[in-house]
Amino acid sequence: MLRLFATRYCMGQAVDVHRLQFAFTITFHYIFPQLTMGLALLLVYLKTKALRTGDEHYNRAARFWARIFGINFALGVVTGIPMEFQFGTNWAAFSKAAGGVIGQTLAMEGVFSFFLESSFLGLFLFGEKRLGRIGHWVAAFLVFLGSWLSGYFIVATDAWMQHPTGYRIGCNGAIEISSFLDLLLNKWALWQYAHTMLGAVQTGCFVMAGVGAFYLLTNRHDNYGHTFVRAGVLVGAVAAILQLVPTGDMQGKLVAYNQQPTLAAMEGLFESQEGAPLAILGQPDVEKRKLDNPLEVPNMLSFLTYRQWRANIKGLADFPQTEWPDQIVLLYYSYHVMVGLGTIFIAVMVLAALLHWRGKLYESRWMLWMLMVCVPLPYIANTAGWMTAELGRQPYSAHDFLVKYQDRVLMGKDIYEVNEYKWYFRALETRDEYFEYYRKRHAFWRIYGFQVPDEVLKKVYYKNALKLVPGIDAKAFPE
């Protein structure tokens, strides 16, 4: 017993270290792609202005930001390479099981979008004179296309882990693609991609507007300051609004319908309520199952989720604790940081756009200071958003399958061997991170415990068999 406890404790520690290392790697890496994806759109904007007006000012502005783009692109490549290895070193079992699916989108990101972006970035940076005005615009557009296509393949990979589609279990137990279109056009991927890219656009807009604000505040390069502030504010205002509606709203609905315990944890909702409030502030106390010091908007969560003021929202108490996200407190705060900063972005960008419309933006030093001070905030918001997505993710497909079809599943084996059943019991009843099956030739990766609810276990073990198989003595089983 002590040996089992020690093994599981050490295994839990190892998995936590793997998670922490991977989280650090991917968080540090994403500092750079979110800026390049945002700047890619703004580079096309500047080159389009140059092409339409013939003003060399916009070409010089595009060259300035192309250098920043190139530096961030190079750092993104360098920091992204360790992640490729960590899929194998940290998550070898998952990579072996699901590599037939996620390997497709990750390979397409490298072969198609990365090479498209990197090739034309070289032409954009060093080939302007040879390409000419139109050719240089085309190079900028293809850099944008490659950058955003890269984002889609990465998001599609993550969306499959959030909401698996287009797959089947092969004869050797490995996960295979059954429909390539279902994988790429996963409804989760479409809305998550739009939401993610708008977040990247806001990063690019705040950085560009912040640099322009610095120029204006220090009376340097005023003409470029005007251009950078105007582009950042006008594009950023549109992106900030679209970040909320429709993309944020639809992403929230996907969570509400497919990951209900996640929604409850994000909102700090422990008990089900009709007319559930929207928590603006508060501190979740998981042990006492309540939200301390709440500042709430009555009925708003019900309305935002189901468009009905008195709709019932399930709290965490309605779900087995085994289905709760592991890090409820961190998930709650990550979500509220993301939403809070997103609200600030809308207020800042819309107010700045109104000042621009009235012709007072460039003289409003307080607003220029605000734009400059806000530069780090989109990085924090994007990180908090990804933490919300991953901390709340519940990819327990086998668990969900057994719960959904609990009246149709029977536990059985082709050959009866008593010693083998303990492994099946352990898989169904526990939530071990991973454990080895005792026959290597039967299992190609480690087994993850499903922790199926007791009522479902009874049906799978014997109740369904009593209904379907004649001649079984019901007295040999409980109830």
Foldseek 3Di string as FASTA:
>chain_A
DVVVVVVLVVVVVLLVVLVVVLLVLVLVLVVQLLQLLQVLVVLLVLLVCCVVVVDCVSVVLSLVVLVVSVVSVVSNVVSVVVNVVSCCVNVVQCCFQAVQQLVVLLVCLVPPLVCQLVVLSVCLNPVDVVLDSVRNSVSSVSNNVSSLSSLLSVLLSLVCLQPNDQWDQDPLRGIHGNDPCCSSVVVLSVLVSLLLSLLSSLLNLLVQLLVLLVCLVVVHPVVSSVVSNVSSLVSLLVSLVVNVPPSVLVNLLCCVVRQQLLNQLQQLFAAKFFQDWRWLDFARDVVVSGTHPTDTDTQPVVCSHPVDSGDIRHHNNVDPPVSHQPCSRLLNVLSNLLVVLSVVSNVLSVVLVVCVVVVNNSVPSVSSVVSNVCSCSSSSNSSSVVCNSVSSRDSLVVLVVLVVPLLPAADDDPDDDPVQVVVVCQQAAHQRCWDCRPDCVSDVRTGGRNNHDPVSVVSRYPVSCPVPPPPDDPVVDDD
